[in-house]
Amino acid sequence: MKLSTLLLVSLIWTCASWGETLKDGEYRIALPEHKGQLSWFIDGYKIVENSAKPDGSEIGVRGRDASGQRTFLGFLFLVREASPMTGARCREAVLAEEKKANGTLKIITTAEIPRSDALPVALVAYSTANRDGSLAYRVRGFVAANDLCGDLEFYSGKPIGDDDPSLKKAFLSFQLDVNHVPQFSDVALFAEILFRKQQYRAAAPMFEKCLAMVPPNGAPFKSAKFARRVMRDQAGMSYGISGDLVRSRSIFEKGTSEDPDYPMYYYNLACADAGEQKLAEARVHLQQAFDRKANVNPSEAMPAPTEDDSFTPFKGNKEFWAFLKRLEAGK
């Protein structure tokens, strides 16, 4: 099963917790199988990249302001140490690695934001030299507890410090909630990041896990049925792309029994059939899919089989190819 053969669900994934109504500029990230949620507020930035590690130990988000002069990086990650972490310990460990990687690192200031109602934030401002001799300026804050560490970094080609009003506001809002239990939205976001990074083998079981976590109202989707369709599609596709056609087929077959009106389960089964050279079975599943084409999800459309890499290898089979064209023509 190839990526281009599949219906990729177009979703707007942000680093917000979907189950809540968040203010503009509010960010929240969590790991899929570990308690804890990192949050902060910084207005005027646009998310340009998300990242996640296949083992579930780290999630990150990168944002850039409208001028393109400032960028932030937010990370939540597990620390493989026996002793409980603090923001200061996390800061020192990260800086030690930074110094090994770049000998030009020069610390400008260090500070701490003590708080009675939240974990303290350990701050550091420093500069490093670029290859062309110019300087890059960074301000970072760390919050940590148990085996979790949160890292919020701002960097720019122009001098910045922790006394900058907008950065100060961000670090004052920077918090780690160690009691947060991963929700449907947390796991789904993590899985989708892996999927988009082509880490399909790691994404597949996370999408499958989401099927059992869909909330009764399906939020942030329009309904629980829609949410389950999306998660099942993504799980089956991820298994299929990673080469596990048996698991992929099992997921889609279960979908046809639980939600028999949805066409994409049948279409993806046809893709699996074609991958196993089973054209007779592919024809059956494709016919079943197009018989139900009126039931695609909102914003979706039926794929064109004649443009699908699952079926183009069989273009020389005149009978099969004529069948595909009739399906597309609605005949």
Protein backbone atom coordinates (compact mmCIF):
# COMPACT_ATOMS: atom_id res chain seq x y z
CA MET A 1 0.00 0.00 0.00
CA LYS A 2 1.52 3.31 -1.10
CA LEU A 3 0.98 6.73 0.41
CA SER A 4 -0.30 8.24 -2.81
CA THR A 5 -3.01 5.58 -3.05
CA LEU A 6 -4.70 6.68 0.12
CA LEU A 7 -7.19 9.30 1.04
CA LEU A 8 -5.25 11.65 3.30
CA VAL A 9 -7.58 13.36 5.71
CA SER A 10 -7.06 17.12 5.67
CA LEU A 11 -7.13 18.34 9.25
CA ILE A 12 -5.98 21.48 10.99
CA TRP A 13 -3.70 20.24 13.74
CA THR A 14 -2.48 22.76 16.27
CA CYS A 15 -0.70 22.42 19.54
CA ALA A 16 -3.89 23.20 21.38
CA SER A 17 -5.91 20.75 23.39
CA TRP A 18 -8.90 20.24 21.09
CA GLY A 19 -11.35 19.54 23.86
CA GLU A 20 -11.11 23.11 25.12
CA THR A 21 -11.69 26.55 23.68
CA LEU A 22 -8.26 28.19 23.74
CA LYS A 23 -7.33 31.84 23.35
CA ASP A 24 -5.23 32.95 20.41
CA GLY A 25 -1.60 32.53 21.36
CA GLU A 26 -2.23 29.76 23.88
CA TYR A 27 -0.25 26.54 23.40
CA ARG A 28 -0.59 23.15 25.10
CA ILE A 29 1.32 19.98 24.34
CA ALA A 30 1.39 16.55 26.00
CA LEU A 31 2.88 13.11 25.50
CA PRO A 32 0.58 10.29 24.38
CA GLU A 33 1.24 7.80 27.18
CA HIS A 34 2.61 9.81 30.08
CA LYS A 35 0.95 12.20 32.51
CA GLY A 36 1.83 15.84 32.10
CA GLN A 37 0.95 18.86 29.96
CA LEU A 38 3.08 21.85 29.04
CA SER A 39 1.40 25.20 28.38
CA TRP A 40 2.33 28.80 27.67
CA PHE A 41 0.98 31.95 26.07
CA ILE A 42 2.72 33.99 23.39
CA ASP A 43 0.77 36.13 20.96
CA GLY A 44 1.69 37.01 17.38
CA TYR A 45 3.38 33.76 16.33
CA LYS A 46 2.40 31.23 13.68
CA ILE A 47 3.16 27.52 14.02
CA VAL A 48 5.55 26.44 11.26
CA GLU A 49 6.49 22.92 12.38
CA ASN A 50 5.58 20.17 14.82
CA SER A 51 7.82 17.28 15.86
CA ALA A 52 7.47 14.05 17.82
CA LYS A 53 9.66 11.06 18.64
CA PRO A 54 8.37 7.63 17.58
CA ASP A 55 8.86 6.21 21.09
CA GLY A 56 6.48 8.79 22.56
CA SER A 57 9.15 10.49 24.66
CA GLU A 58 9.11 13.98 23.13
CA ILE A 59 6.83 16.45 21.38
CA GLY A 60 7.75 19.88 20.08
CA VAL A 61 6.38 22.91 18.26
CA ARG A 62 8.13 25.70 16.38
CA GLY A 63 6.57 29.12 15.77
CA ARG A 64 7.67 32.29 14.01
CA ASP A 65 6.50 35.87 14.40
CA ALA A 66 5.11 37.96 11.54
CA SER A 67 8.43 39.73 10.98
CA GLY A 68 10.33 36.46 10.67
CA GLN A 69 12.90 37.85 13.10
CA ARG A 70 11.95 35.76 16.13
CA THR A 71 11.27 32.07 16.47
CA PHE A 72 10.17 29.99 19.43
CA LEU A 73 10.66 26.30 20.15
CA GLY A 74 8.59 24.52 22.77
CA PHE A 75 9.45 20.98 23.87
CA LEU A 76 8.11 18.52 26.41
CA PHE A 77 10.29 15.46 26.91
CA LEU A 78 11.07 12.59 29.22
CA VAL A 79 14.38 12.62 31.06
CA ARG A 80 16.06 9.26 31.49
CA GLU A 81 17.36 9.88 35.01
CA ALA A 82 16.48 8.29 38.34
CA SER A 83 16.43 11.53 40.36
CA PRO A 84 13.44 13.91 40.22
CA MET A 85 14.07 16.79 37.84
CA THR A 86 13.86 20.53 38.53
CA GLY A 87 13.91 23.38 36.08
CA ALA A 88 17.42 24.31 37.15
CA ARG A 89 18.72 20.76 36.71
CA CYS A 90 17.10 20.50 33.31
CA ARG A 91 18.63 23.82 32.30
CA GLU A 92 22.12 22.71 33.31
CA ALA A 93 21.80 19.37 31.51
CA VAL A 94 20.61 21.01 28.29
CA LEU A 95 23.30 23.70 28.43
CA ALA A 96 25.99 21.07 28.94
CA GLU A 97 24.90 19.40 25.70
CA GLU A 98 24.70 22.76 23.93
CA LYS A 99 28.27 23.61 24.97
CA LYS A 100 29.53 20.30 23.60
CA ALA A 101 27.85 21.00 20.27
CA ASN A 102 28.91 24.66 20.04
CA GLY A 103 32.03 25.90 21.78
CA THR A 104 31.12 29.52 21.10
CA LEU A 105 28.22 29.46 23.58
CA LYS A 106 28.41 32.47 25.91
CA ILE A 107 26.00 32.76 28.83
CA ILE A 108 24.68 36.29 29.29
CA THR A 109 22.35 35.90 32.29
CA THR A 110 20.65 33.23 34.38
CA ALA A 111 17.63 33.76 36.58
CA GLU A 112 14.66 32.01 38.15
CA ILE A 113 10.98 32.85 38.34
CA PRO A 114 9.74 31.57 41.72
CA ARG A 115 6.01 30.87 41.94
CA SER A 116 3.79 29.77 44.79
CA ASP A 117 1.07 28.31 42.56
CA ALA A 118 3.21 26.59 39.92
CA LEU A 119 6.63 25.13 39.31
CA PRO A 120 9.50 27.66 39.14
CA VAL A 121 10.96 28.56 35.74
CA ALA A 122 14.74 28.46 35.36
CA LEU A 123 15.87 31.03 32.77
CA VAL A 124 19.03 31.49 30.74
CA ALA A 125 20.03 33.95 28.04
CA TYR A 126 23.05 33.21 25.86
CA SER A 127 24.58 33.75 22.45
CA THR A 128 26.30 31.47 19.95
CA ALA A 129 28.31 32.27 16.86
CA ASN A 130 27.06 31.28 13.43
CA ARG A 131 29.39 29.99 10.72
CA ASP A 132 29.54 33.43 9.12
CA GLY A 133 30.63 34.99 12.41
CA SER A 134 27.28 36.60 13.22
CA LEU A 135 25.66 35.96 16.57
CA ALA A 136 22.42 34.16 17.39
CA TYR A 137 20.71 35.16 20.63
CA ARG A 138 18.63 32.76 22.73
CA VAL A 139 16.47 33.02 25.81
CA ARG A 140 15.22 29.77 27.32
CA GLY A 141 13.03 28.78 30.23
CA PHE A 142 12.77 25.35 31.84
CA VAL A 143 10.13 23.79 34.07
CA ALA A 144 10.50 20.23 35.30
CA ALA A 145 9.23 17.64 37.76
CA ASN A 146 9.68 13.91 38.24
CA ASP A 147 10.95 12.63 34.86
CA LEU A 148 9.49 15.42 32.70
CA CYS A 149 11.12 18.58 31.41
CA GLY A 150 9.61 21.49 29.51
CA ASP A 151 11.83 23.76 27.43
CA LEU A 152 10.63 27.04 25.88
CA GLU A 153 13.22 28.80 23.72
CA PHE A 154 13.18 32.06 21.78
CA TYR A 155 15.94 32.91 19.35
CA SER A 156 16.78 35.81 17.06
CA GLY A 157 19.59 37.34 15.06
CA LYS A 158 19.14 40.48 17.12
CA PRO A 159 19.86 40.76 20.88
CA ILE A 160 16.99 39.58 23.09
CA GLY A 161 16.79 39.05 26.84
CA ASP A 162 14.44 37.77 29.50
CA ASP A 163 13.51 41.36 30.33
CA ASP A 164 11.80 41.75 26.95
CA PRO A 165 8.10 42.39 27.81
CA SER A 166 6.66 39.82 25.39
CA LEU A 167 9.14 37.12 26.42
CA LYS A 168 8.61 37.91 30.09
CA LYS A 169 4.88 37.44 29.58
CA ALA A 170 5.49 34.10 27.89
CA PHE A 171 7.71 32.77 30.68
CA LEU A 172 5.30 33.95 33.37
CA SER A 173 2.62 31.83 31.67
CA PHE A 174 4.93 28.82 31.19
CA GLN A 175 3.62 25.89 33.24
CA LEU A 176 3.89 22.12 33.59
CA ASP A 177 0.78 20.34 34.84
CA VAL A 178 2.12 17.01 36.10
CA ASN A 179 -1.38 15.66 36.80
CA HIS A 180 -2.75 15.98 33.27
CA VAL A 181 -3.86 12.61 31.89
CA PRO A 182 -3.45 12.22 28.08
CA GLN A 183 -6.73 12.88 26.28
CA PHE A 184 -8.01 11.86 22.85
CA SER A 185 -6.76 15.14 21.36
CA ASP A 186 -3.26 14.67 22.82
CA VAL A 187 -2.83 11.19 21.37
CA ALA A 188 -4.40 12.09 18.02
CA LEU A 189 -2.14 15.12 17.60
CA PHE A 190 0.96 13.11 18.45
CA ALA A 191 -0.06 10.37 15.99
CA GLU A 192 -0.74 12.86 13.21
CA ILE A 193 2.64 14.52 13.69
CA LEU A 194 4.31 11.12 13.31
CA PHE A 195 2.19 10.42 10.24
CA ARG A 196 3.20 13.67 8.57
CA LYS A 197 6.83 12.93 9.39
CA GLN A 198 6.35 9.56 7.64
CA GLN A 199 6.81 7.62 10.87
CA TYR A 200 3.91 5.37 9.90
CA ARG A 201 4.85 2.32 11.94
CA ALA A 202 4.85 4.38 15.15
CA ALA A 203 1.73 6.36 14.19
CA ALA A 204 -0.44 3.30 13.46
CA PRO A 205 -0.97 1.96 17.02
CA MET A 206 -1.51 5.49 18.34
CA PHE A 207 -4.29 6.14 15.84
CA GLU A 208 -5.74 2.75 16.75
CA LYS A 209 -5.62 3.71 20.42
CA CYS A 210 -7.55 6.87 19.58
CA LEU A 211 -10.48 4.77 18.36
CA ALA A 212 -11.15 3.73 21.94
CA MET A 213 -10.70 7.29 23.23
CA VAL A 214 -13.14 9.19 21.01
CA PRO A 215 -15.27 11.41 23.30
CA PRO A 216 -19.07 11.08 23.14
CA ASN A 217 -19.42 14.33 21.23
CA GLY A 218 -16.47 13.59 18.95
CA ALA A 219 -14.83 16.96 19.68
CA PRO A 220 -13.07 18.55 17.92
CA PHE A 221 -14.81 16.77 15.03
CA LYS A 222 -18.46 17.30 14.19
CA SER A 223 -19.51 13.97 15.67
CA ALA A 224 -18.17 10.84 17.30
CA LYS A 225 -18.86 8.92 14.08
CA PHE A 226 -16.77 11.37 12.06
CA ALA A 227 -13.95 11.18 14.62
CA ARG A 228 -13.92 7.37 14.55
CA ARG A 229 -13.86 7.38 10.76
CA VAL A 230 -10.86 9.69 10.70
CA MET A 231 -8.95 7.70 13.32
CA ARG A 232 -9.73 4.36 11.67
CA ASP A 233 -8.72 5.71 8.26
CA GLN A 234 -5.43 7.00 9.64
CA ALA A 235 -4.71 3.82 11.60
CA GLY A 236 -5.42 1.52 8.65
CA MET A 237 -3.45 3.69 6.25
CA SER A 238 -0.49 3.87 8.63
CA TYR A 239 -0.39 0.10 9.01
CA GLY A 240 -0.74 -0.33 5.26
CA ILE A 241 2.00 2.12 4.34
CA SER A 242 4.36 0.52 6.87
CA GLY A 243 3.75 -2.87 5.22
CA ASP A 244 1.42 -4.52 7.72
CA LEU A 245 -1.41 -5.27 5.27
CA VAL A 246 -2.90 -7.92 7.57
CA ARG A 247 -3.46 -5.41 10.36
CA SER A 248 -4.56 -2.75 7.91
CA ARG A 249 -7.12 -5.07 6.34
CA SER A 250 -8.41 -6.12 9.77
CA ILE A 251 -9.01 -2.50 10.79
CA PHE A 252 -10.90 -1.63 7.62
CA GLU A 253 -12.94 -4.85 7.68
CA LYS A 254 -14.02 -4.06 11.22
CA GLY A 255 -14.96 -0.61 9.97
CA THR A 256 -17.26 -2.06 7.31
CA SER A 257 -19.09 -4.07 9.98
CA GLU A 258 -19.41 -1.17 12.45
CA ASP A 259 -20.02 1.62 9.93
CA PRO A 260 -21.11 -0.11 6.69
CA ASP A 261 -22.17 3.09 4.87
CA TYR A 262 -18.74 4.74 4.84
CA PRO A 263 -17.10 4.29 1.40
CA MET A 264 -13.43 4.76 2.25
CA TYR A 265 -13.18 1.55 4.27
CA TYR A 266 -14.07 -0.38 1.10
CA TYR A 267 -11.79 1.76 -1.05
CA ASN A 268 -8.80 1.14 1.20
CA LEU A 269 -9.58 -2.58 1.23
CA ALA A 270 -9.43 -2.43 -2.57
CA CYS A 271 -6.00 -0.81 -2.31
CA ALA A 272 -4.85 -3.70 -0.10
CA ASP A 273 -6.35 -6.18 -2.60
CA ALA A 274 -4.42 -4.58 -5.46
CA GLY A 275 -1.22 -4.73 -3.44
CA GLU A 276 -1.75 -8.49 -3.19
CA GLN A 277 -2.62 -8.82 -6.90
CA LYS A 278 -6.23 -9.73 -6.07
CA LEU A 279 -8.04 -7.80 -8.78
CA ALA A 280 -11.33 -9.67 -8.48
CA GLU A 281 -11.55 -8.74 -4.81
CA ALA A 282 -10.44 -5.19 -5.62
CA ARG A 283 -13.32 -4.83 -8.08
CA VAL A 284 -15.82 -5.94 -5.46
CA HIS A 285 -14.52 -3.51 -2.85
CA LEU A 286 -14.28 -0.63 -5.32
CA GLN A 287 -17.86 -1.18 -6.42
CA GLN A 288 -18.97 -1.22 -2.80
CA ALA A 289 -17.04 2.02 -2.21
CA PHE A 290 -18.52 3.90 -5.16
CA ASP A 291 -22.01 2.65 -4.35
CA ARG A 292 -21.60 4.61 -1.09
CA LYS A 293 -19.79 7.67 -2.47
CA ALA A 294 -22.55 9.98 -1.24
CA ASN A 295 -21.49 9.14 2.32
CA VAL A 296 -17.97 10.57 2.26
CA ASN A 297 -17.04 12.80 5.18
CA PRO A 298 -17.48 16.57 4.90
CA SER A 299 -14.66 18.13 2.84
CA GLU A 300 -13.71 14.72 1.39
CA ALA A 301 -14.16 13.44 -2.14
CA MET A 302 -13.81 9.97 -3.63
CA PRO A 303 -10.36 9.34 -5.07
CA ALA A 304 -9.91 8.68 -8.78
CA PRO A 305 -8.77 5.03 -9.08
CA THR A 306 -7.15 5.64 -12.50
CA GLU A 307 -4.80 8.13 -10.82
CA ASP A 308 -4.10 5.91 -7.83
CA ASP A 309 -0.71 4.21 -7.56
CA SER A 310 -2.40 1.12 -6.17
CA PHE A 311 -4.15 0.56 -9.50
CA THR A 312 -1.98 2.20 -12.19
CA PRO A 313 0.30 -0.89 -12.40
CA PHE A 314 -2.72 -2.68 -13.90
CA LYS A 315 -3.33 -0.18 -16.68
CA GLY A 316 -2.47 -2.87 -19.21
CA ASN A 317 -5.40 -4.98 -18.00
CA LYS A 318 -8.02 -3.59 -20.39
CA GLU A 319 -10.99 -5.12 -18.62
CA PHE A 320 -9.94 -3.89 -15.18
CA TRP A 321 -9.03 -0.44 -16.49
CA ALA A 322 -12.35 -0.08 -18.27
CA PHE A 323 -14.06 -0.97 -15.00
CA LEU A 324 -12.19 1.81 -13.19
CA LYS A 325 -13.17 4.35 -15.82
CA ARG A 326 -16.83 3.34 -15.57
CA LEU A 327 -16.69 3.82 -11.79
CA GLU A 328 -15.25 7.32 -12.17
CA ALA A 329 -17.86 8.18 -14.80
CA GLY A 330 -20.62 7.03 -12.49
CA LYS A 331 -21.81 4.29 -14.83
